[in-house]
Each structure stands twice: as structure tokens, then as C-alpha cells.
């Protein structure tokens, strides 16, 4: 069983988030319900990616997380730090992938929406909605940020990067970091806020 981890980072810095030996480097275990807007996307019953709660029906994730498998094989586990227990399970009933998503190796517009059934039990404690920036909102270079996930590279795709409580990024892909290796890459959420609102209304 893997529990949720968090890591502090600097927005715009060379090294943001990475994993090694099944952990986020410099990460620490998250407190229970510390990130109630973060859910786990499961494929065939196993954790696959992170997803971010927008409202009781919709979540935001990376396009590459949902493009490879059928909806009938996907569920959302919300309201728990564990990949395997607690919380509530919700069937994925619709996926909207950004029309400009390019796939590998560039991953341009790597963003997607997930609609679930039954509705997520929003109680503001175990499950709550994420705060989005405004369309085009800038994030100051080297602003302090926090990334959360289960800490083993591809399993963190779609998960959040927060700055001042706003979801400024979602994980595209992450690699081992530390000066001579590539940094982790995030989708800039502020570039897609209008698209999100237009598709979930």
C-alpha cells in the first residue's frame, strides 16, 4: 500500500519533483485529508494517475492518463491517502481530451476532463474542489510550490502542483532529477482554464 506524499519545490527552478526508489525525492508523508482535492485514477483496479476534483462530477487530469484504456476499465478513488483502501469509488462515464493534445514525445496540451458517477461526496474535509487560477494568470518565477502524489514517477501523472493554494500545474512526466538529469514537466493549468469551464458547464 502506498500513501500520499508531498514535496515542496520552487516554480521555475531546475529541479522540481522526482522519484527514486518509489518515493518523491525530499518528500514526506501527507497528513490524512491534507489534499482532499486530489483523487486516484484507477485502471483495472490499480492506481494509474492522479486527478484533481473540479466539482461533484468532474475531475482534471493529464490526457495521456486516459487515452490508453477504455472508460469501462477506469474508476476514481476519492477521499483517501491510500491507493487501495478507504474513500469512495466512482465509475468514469465520460472523458474529454483537449483537441490539441499531441501525445508523445511533446505532450502538448496534455490535459483532460473526467466525468464520474455517482457524484463525488463533497464535504470540504475528505473530498473538496481544487482552486483554479484565472485564464492566463502568471506564476512568479521561483515561487514556493507543493506537489502531491504517490511518489513513483508515472503514477503521479495528472497530479497537482500548487502555488498559494492554486492548481498551477498538472504532472506531464517526471524523471530523476538532481542537476544533471531532466526536471519534471507540468502542464500550465492557467492556459486551459477557459477550456475547462466551457466543457464542464
C-alpha atoms as a PDB file:
ATOM      1  CA  UNK A   1       0.000   0.000   0.000  1.00  0.00           C
ATOM      2  CA  UNK A   2       1.398   3.388  -0.984  1.00  0.00           C
ATOM      3  CA  UNK A   3       0.255   6.501   0.837  1.00  0.00           C
ATOM      4  CA  UNK A   4       0.192  10.053  -0.419  1.00  0.00           C
ATOM      5  CA  UNK A   5       3.408  12.077  -0.372  1.00  0.00           C
ATOM      6  CA  UNK A   6       4.077  15.779  -0.718  1.00  0.00           C
ATOM      7  CA  UNK A   7       7.148  17.717  -1.749  1.00  0.00           C
ATOM      8  CA  UNK A   8       7.977  21.414  -1.642  1.00  0.00           C
ATOM      9  CA  UNK A   9       9.544  22.917  -4.710  1.00  0.00           C
ATOM     10  CA  UNK A  10      10.307  26.176  -6.492  1.00  0.00           C
ATOM     11  CA  UNK A  11       8.240  27.125  -9.541  1.00  0.00           C
ATOM     12  CA  UNK A  12      10.565  27.660 -12.467  1.00  0.00           C
ATOM     13  CA  UNK A  13      13.506  26.017 -10.731  1.00  0.00           C
ATOM     14  CA  UNK A  14      15.648  23.435 -12.500  1.00  0.00           C
ATOM     15  CA  UNK A  15      14.636  20.521 -10.302  1.00  0.00           C
ATOM     16  CA  UNK A  16      11.006  20.315  -9.254  1.00  0.00           C
ATOM     17  CA  UNK A  17       9.721  16.853  -8.457  1.00  0.00           C
ATOM     18  CA  UNK A  18      11.239  13.451  -8.988  1.00  0.00           C
ATOM     19  CA  UNK A  19      11.048   9.932  -7.753  1.00  0.00           C
ATOM     20  CA  UNK A  20      13.669   7.426  -6.700  1.00  0.00           C
ATOM     21  CA  UNK A  21      13.148   4.029  -5.159  1.00  0.00           C
ATOM     22  CA  UNK A  22       9.385   4.511  -5.035  1.00  0.00           C
ATOM     23  CA  UNK A  23       9.457   7.894  -3.304  1.00  0.00           C
ATOM     24  CA  UNK A  24       9.262  11.564  -4.164  1.00  0.00           C
ATOM     25  CA  UNK A  25      12.770  12.874  -3.507  1.00  0.00           C
ATOM     26  CA  UNK A  26      12.734  15.101  -0.387  1.00  0.00           C
ATOM     27  CA  UNK A  27       9.060  14.307   0.030  1.00  0.00           C
ATOM     28  CA  UNK A  28       7.276  13.479   3.243  1.00  0.00           C
ATOM     29  CA  UNK A  29       4.041  11.616   4.041  1.00  0.00           C
ATOM     30  CA  UNK A  30       0.959  13.774   3.705  1.00  0.00           C
ATOM     31  CA  UNK A  31      -1.418  14.123   6.620  1.00  0.00           C
ATOM     32  CA  UNK A  32      -4.790  12.421   6.281  1.00  0.00           C
ATOM     33  CA  UNK A  33      -7.019  14.539   4.021  1.00  0.00           C
ATOM     34  CA  UNK A  34      -4.290  17.163   3.578  1.00  0.00           C
ATOM     35  CA  UNK A  35      -5.062  17.203  -0.163  1.00  0.00           C
ATOM     36  CA  UNK A  36      -8.811  16.495  -0.386  1.00  0.00           C
ATOM     37  CA  UNK A  37      -8.987  17.734  -3.994  1.00  0.00           C
ATOM     38  CA  UNK A  38      -6.554  15.031  -5.160  1.00  0.00           C
ATOM     39  CA  UNK A  39      -8.028  11.705  -6.250  1.00  0.00           C
ATOM     40  CA  UNK A  40      -6.570   8.500  -7.679  1.00  0.00           C
ATOM     41  CA  UNK A  41      -7.425   7.361 -11.192  1.00  0.00           C
ATOM     42  CA  UNK A  42      -7.525   3.562 -11.275  1.00  0.00           C
ATOM     43  CA  UNK A  43      -7.278   1.325 -14.324  1.00  0.00           C
ATOM     44  CA  UNK A  44      -8.367  -2.288 -13.847  1.00  0.00           C
ATOM     45  CA  UNK A  45      -8.487  -1.701 -10.100  1.00  0.00           C
ATOM     46  CA  UNK A  46      -4.934  -0.340  -9.691  1.00  0.00           C
ATOM     47  CA  UNK A  47      -3.681   3.216  -9.214  1.00  0.00           C
ATOM     48  CA  UNK A  48      -2.590   4.711 -12.527  1.00  0.00           C
ATOM     49  CA  UNK A  49      -2.575   8.527 -12.272  1.00  0.00           C
ATOM     50  CA  UNK A  50      -3.620  11.455 -10.149  1.00  0.00           C
ATOM     51  CA  UNK A  51      -6.742  13.530 -10.805  1.00  0.00           C
ATOM     52  CA  UNK A  52      -7.973  16.845  -9.405  1.00  0.00           C
ATOM     53  CA  UNK A  53     -11.562  17.393  -8.240  1.00  0.00           C
ATOM     54  CA  UNK A  54     -13.321  20.278 -10.018  1.00  0.00           C
ATOM     55  CA  UNK A  55     -16.848  19.644  -8.762  1.00  0.00           C
ATOM     56  CA  UNK A  56     -19.018  16.684  -7.782  1.00  0.00           C
ATOM     57  CA  UNK A  57     -18.998  15.285 -11.328  1.00  0.00           C
ATOM     58  CA  UNK A  58     -15.758  16.430 -12.968  1.00  0.00           C
ATOM     59  CA  UNK A  59     -12.026  15.961 -12.420  1.00  0.00           C
ATOM     60  CA  UNK A  60      -8.952  17.243 -14.242  1.00  0.00           C
ATOM     61  CA  UNK A  61      -6.014  15.025 -15.201  1.00  0.00           C
ATOM     62  CA  UNK A  62      -3.403  14.504 -17.926  1.00  0.00           C
ATOM     63  CA  UNK A  63      -4.608  13.433 -21.369  1.00  0.00           C
ATOM     64  CA  UNK A  64      -2.051  10.630 -21.560  1.00  0.00           C
ATOM     65  CA  UNK A  65      -3.610   9.124 -18.418  1.00  0.00           C
ATOM     66  CA  UNK A  66      -6.966   8.459 -20.060  1.00  0.00           C
ATOM     67  CA  UNK A  67      -6.176   7.927 -23.730  1.00  0.00           C
ATOM     68  CA  UNK A  68      -4.729   4.426 -23.449  1.00  0.00           C
ATOM     69  CA  UNK A  69      -7.592   2.483 -21.858  1.00  0.00           C
ATOM     70  CA  UNK A  70     -11.359   2.179 -22.177  1.00  0.00           C
ATOM     71  CA  UNK A  71     -13.646   4.042 -19.786  1.00  0.00           C
ATOM     72  CA  UNK A  72     -15.168   0.808 -18.541  1.00  0.00           C
ATOM     73  CA  UNK A  73     -11.778  -0.062 -17.033  1.00  0.00           C
ATOM     74  CA  UNK A  74     -11.357   3.292 -15.248  1.00  0.00           C
ATOM     75  CA  UNK A  75     -12.568   4.366 -11.817  1.00  0.00           C
ATOM     76  CA  UNK A  76     -11.817   7.218  -9.446  1.00  0.00           C
ATOM     77  CA  UNK A  77     -10.925   6.650  -5.790  1.00  0.00           C
ATOM     78  CA  UNK A  78     -11.510   9.836  -3.784  1.00  0.00           C
ATOM     79  CA  UNK A  79     -11.280  10.844  -0.140  1.00  0.00           C
ATOM     80  CA  UNK A  80      -8.266   8.783   0.935  1.00  0.00           C
ATOM     81  CA  UNK A  81      -4.469   8.997   1.024  1.00  0.00           C
ATOM     82  CA  UNK A  82      -4.222   5.306   0.179  1.00  0.00           C
ATOM     83  CA  UNK A  83      -4.139   3.883  -3.328  1.00  0.00           C
ATOM     84  CA  UNK A  84      -6.061   0.824  -2.274  1.00  0.00           C
ATOM     85  CA  UNK A  85      -8.450   1.474   0.612  1.00  0.00           C
ATOM     86  CA  UNK A  86     -10.840   3.956   2.176  1.00  0.00           C
ATOM     87  CA  UNK A  87     -12.673   6.723   0.402  1.00  0.00           C
ATOM     88  CA  UNK A  88     -15.293   6.211  -2.280  1.00  0.00           C
ATOM     89  CA  UNK A  89     -15.159   4.640  -5.751  1.00  0.00           C
ATOM     90  CA  UNK A  90     -16.698   6.305  -8.813  1.00  0.00           C
ATOM     91  CA  UNK A  91     -17.070   4.970 -12.339  1.00  0.00           C
ATOM     92  CA  UNK A  92     -15.621   7.036 -15.192  1.00  0.00           C
ATOM     93  CA  UNK A  93     -18.528   7.696 -17.560  1.00  0.00           C
ATOM     94  CA  UNK A  94     -17.054  10.319 -19.899  1.00  0.00           C
ATOM     95  CA  UNK A  95     -13.611  11.600 -20.888  1.00  0.00           C
ATOM     96  CA  UNK A  96     -12.874  14.836 -22.773  1.00  0.00           C
ATOM     97  CA  UNK A  97      -9.324  15.132 -24.125  1.00  0.00           C
ATOM     98  CA  UNK A  98      -8.069  18.526 -25.244  1.00  0.00           C
ATOM     99  CA  UNK A  99      -8.393  18.791 -29.007  1.00  0.00           C
ATOM    100  CA  UNK A 100      -4.787  19.980 -29.372  1.00  0.00           C
ATOM    101  CA  UNK A 101      -3.203  17.134 -27.420  1.00  0.00           C
ATOM    102  CA  UNK A 102      -0.219  15.843 -29.392  1.00  0.00           C
ATOM    103  CA  UNK A 103       0.826  12.743 -27.470  1.00  0.00           C
ATOM    104  CA  UNK A 104       4.443  11.622 -27.203  1.00  0.00           C
ATOM    105  CA  UNK A 105       7.094  12.900 -27.219  1.00  0.00           C
ATOM    106  CA  UNK A 106       5.970  16.541 -26.872  1.00  0.00           C
ATOM    107  CA  UNK A 107       2.809  16.092 -24.775  1.00  0.00           C
ATOM    108  CA  UNK A 108       1.440  19.487 -25.863  1.00  0.00           C
ATOM    109  CA  UNK A 109      -1.978  20.269 -24.310  1.00  0.00           C
ATOM    110  CA  UNK A 110      -1.661  17.185 -22.098  1.00  0.00           C
ATOM    111  CA  UNK A 111      -4.902  17.820 -20.260  1.00  0.00           C
ATOM    112  CA  UNK A 112      -8.238  16.017 -19.998  1.00  0.00           C
ATOM    113  CA  UNK A 113     -11.512  16.034 -18.102  1.00  0.00           C
ATOM    114  CA  UNK A 114     -13.155  13.050 -16.433  1.00  0.00           C
ATOM    115  CA  UNK A 115     -16.864  12.827 -15.590  1.00  0.00           C
ATOM    116  CA  UNK A 116     -17.830  10.311 -12.894  1.00  0.00           C
ATOM    117  CA  UNK A 117     -20.872   8.581 -11.497  1.00  0.00           C
ATOM    118  CA  UNK A 118     -22.109   8.583  -8.786  1.00  0.00           C
ATOM    119  CA  UNK A 119     -21.284  12.172  -7.769  1.00  0.00           C
ATOM    120  CA  UNK A 120     -18.277  12.758  -5.551  1.00  0.00           C
ATOM    121  CA  UNK A 121     -19.214  13.253  -1.864  1.00  0.00           C
ATOM    122  CA  UNK A 122     -18.003  16.840  -1.460  1.00  0.00           C
ATOM    123  CA  UNK A 123     -17.821  17.521   2.268  1.00  0.00           C
ATOM    124  CA  UNK A 124     -14.943  20.000   2.316  1.00  0.00           C
ATOM    125  CA  UNK A 125     -12.866  17.699   4.516  1.00  0.00           C
ATOM    126  CA  UNK A 126     -12.261  14.335   2.880  1.00  0.00           C
ATOM    127  CA  UNK A 127     -13.217  15.482  -0.633  1.00  0.00           C
ATOM    128  CA  UNK A 128     -13.191  19.096  -1.808  1.00  0.00           C
ATOM    129  CA  UNK A 129     -12.768  21.054  -5.020  1.00  0.00           C
ATOM    130  CA  UNK A 130      -9.466  22.407  -6.268  1.00  0.00           C
ATOM    131  CA  UNK A 131      -8.880  26.134  -6.744  1.00  0.00           C
ATOM    132  CA  UNK A 132      -8.025  27.084 -10.328  1.00  0.00           C
ATOM    133  CA  UNK A 133      -6.090  30.171 -11.449  1.00  0.00           C
ATOM    134  CA  UNK A 134      -7.683  32.601 -13.856  1.00  0.00           C
ATOM    135  CA  UNK A 135      -7.116  32.156 -17.577  1.00  0.00           C
ATOM    136  CA  UNK A 136      -3.570  33.257 -18.412  1.00  0.00           C
ATOM    137  CA  UNK A 137      -2.631  34.009 -14.813  1.00  0.00           C
ATOM    138  CA  UNK A 138       1.130  34.159 -14.341  1.00  0.00           C
ATOM    139  CA  UNK A 139       3.028  32.434 -11.550  1.00  0.00           C
ATOM    140  CA  UNK A 140       6.072  34.215 -10.228  1.00  0.00           C
ATOM    141  CA  UNK A 141       9.376  32.519 -11.004  1.00  0.00           C
ATOM    142  CA  UNK A 142      10.756  30.644  -8.013  1.00  0.00           C
ATOM    143  CA  UNK A 143       7.504  30.908  -6.105  1.00  0.00           C
ATOM    144  CA  UNK A 144       7.229  28.207  -3.448  1.00  0.00           C
ATOM    145  CA  UNK A 145       5.081  25.320  -4.615  1.00  0.00           C
ATOM    146  CA  UNK A 146       3.877  21.952  -3.393  1.00  0.00           C
ATOM    147  CA  UNK A 147       3.394  18.809  -5.463  1.00  0.00           C
ATOM    148  CA  UNK A 148       1.447  15.828  -4.175  1.00  0.00           C
ATOM    149  CA  UNK A 149       1.259  12.259  -5.388  1.00  0.00           C
ATOM    150  CA  UNK A 150       2.042   8.688  -4.557  1.00  0.00           C
ATOM    151  CA  UNK A 151       5.690   9.125  -5.449  1.00  0.00           C
ATOM    152  CA  UNK A 152       6.625   6.728  -8.202  1.00  0.00           C
ATOM    153  CA  UNK A 153       7.017   8.619 -11.423  1.00  0.00           C
ATOM    154  CA  UNK A 154       4.327   7.718 -13.972  1.00  0.00           C
ATOM    155  CA  UNK A 155       1.817   7.146 -11.188  1.00  0.00           C
ATOM    156  CA  UNK A 156       1.980  10.855 -10.401  1.00  0.00           C
ATOM    157  CA  UNK A 157       0.939  11.975 -13.897  1.00  0.00           C
ATOM    158  CA  UNK A 158      -2.118  14.216 -13.796  1.00  0.00           C
ATOM    159  CA  UNK A 159      -1.440  15.098 -10.178  1.00  0.00           C
ATOM    160  CA  UNK A 160      -1.169  18.635  -8.817  1.00  0.00           C
ATOM    161  CA  UNK A 161       1.406  21.357  -8.419  1.00  0.00           C
ATOM    162  CA  UNK A 162       0.052  24.017  -6.047  1.00  0.00           C
ATOM    163  CA  UNK A 163       1.268  27.579  -5.552  1.00  0.00           C
ATOM    164  CA  UNK A 164      -0.538  29.615  -2.891  1.00  0.00           C
ATOM    165  CA  UNK A 165      -3.300  27.012  -2.899  1.00  0.00           C
ATOM    166  CA  UNK A 166      -3.944  27.294  -6.649  1.00  0.00           C
ATOM    167  CA  UNK A 167      -3.595  24.391  -9.059  1.00  0.00           C
ATOM    168  CA  UNK A 168      -0.946  25.909 -11.334  1.00  0.00           C
ATOM    169  CA  UNK A 169       0.288  22.665 -12.883  1.00  0.00           C
ATOM    170  CA  UNK A 170      -0.510  19.025 -13.523  1.00  0.00           C
ATOM    171  CA  UNK A 171       2.222  16.435 -13.972  1.00  0.00           C
ATOM    172  CA  UNK A 172       3.070  15.657 -17.607  1.00  0.00           C
ATOM    173  CA  UNK A 173       6.006  13.400 -16.907  1.00  0.00           C
ATOM    174  CA  UNK A 174       8.631  13.177 -14.224  1.00  0.00           C
ATOM    175  CA  UNK A 175      12.152  11.874 -14.356  1.00  0.00           C
ATOM    176  CA  UNK A 176      15.025  11.530 -11.927  1.00  0.00           C
ATOM    177  CA  UNK A 177      16.246  14.998 -11.024  1.00  0.00           C
ATOM    178  CA  UNK A 178      19.286  16.492  -9.371  1.00  0.00           C
ATOM    179  CA  UNK A 179      21.312  18.839 -11.514  1.00  0.00           C
ATOM    180  CA  UNK A 180      22.452  16.716 -14.466  1.00  0.00           C
ATOM    181  CA  UNK A 181      19.188  14.916 -15.157  1.00  0.00           C
ATOM    182  CA  UNK A 182      15.984  16.349 -16.669  1.00  0.00           C
ATOM    183  CA  UNK A 183      13.454  18.130 -14.456  1.00  0.00           C
ATOM    184  CA  UNK A 184       9.822  17.146 -14.100  1.00  0.00           C
ATOM    185  CA  UNK A 185       7.425  18.722 -16.590  1.00  0.00           C
ATOM    186  CA  UNK A 186       3.996  20.144 -15.807  1.00  0.00           C
ATOM    187  CA  UNK A 187       1.059  21.358 -17.898  1.00  0.00           C
ATOM    188  CA  UNK A 188       0.423  25.053 -17.176  1.00  0.00           C
ATOM    189  CA  UNK A 189      -3.192  24.957 -15.994  1.00  0.00           C
ATOM    190  CA  UNK A 190      -3.747  28.710 -16.443  1.00  0.00           C
ATOM    191  CA  UNK A 191      -3.502  28.218 -20.206  1.00  0.00           C
ATOM    192  CA  UNK A 192      -6.555  25.930 -20.175  1.00  0.00           C
ATOM    193  CA  UNK A 193      -8.946  27.390 -17.583  1.00  0.00           C
ATOM    194  CA  UNK A 194     -11.443  28.701 -20.152  1.00  0.00           C
ATOM    195  CA  UNK A 195     -11.405  25.307 -21.886  1.00  0.00           C
ATOM    196  CA  UNK A 196     -12.123  23.604 -18.573  1.00  0.00           C
ATOM    197  CA  UNK A 197     -15.077  25.865 -17.736  1.00  0.00           C
ATOM    198  CA  UNK A 198     -16.526  25.633 -21.241  1.00  0.00           C
ATOM    199  CA  UNK A 199     -16.536  21.842 -21.126  1.00  0.00           C
ATOM    200  CA  UNK A 200     -17.894  21.213 -17.634  1.00  0.00           C
ATOM    201  CA  UNK A 201     -20.799  23.654 -17.791  1.00  0.00           C
END
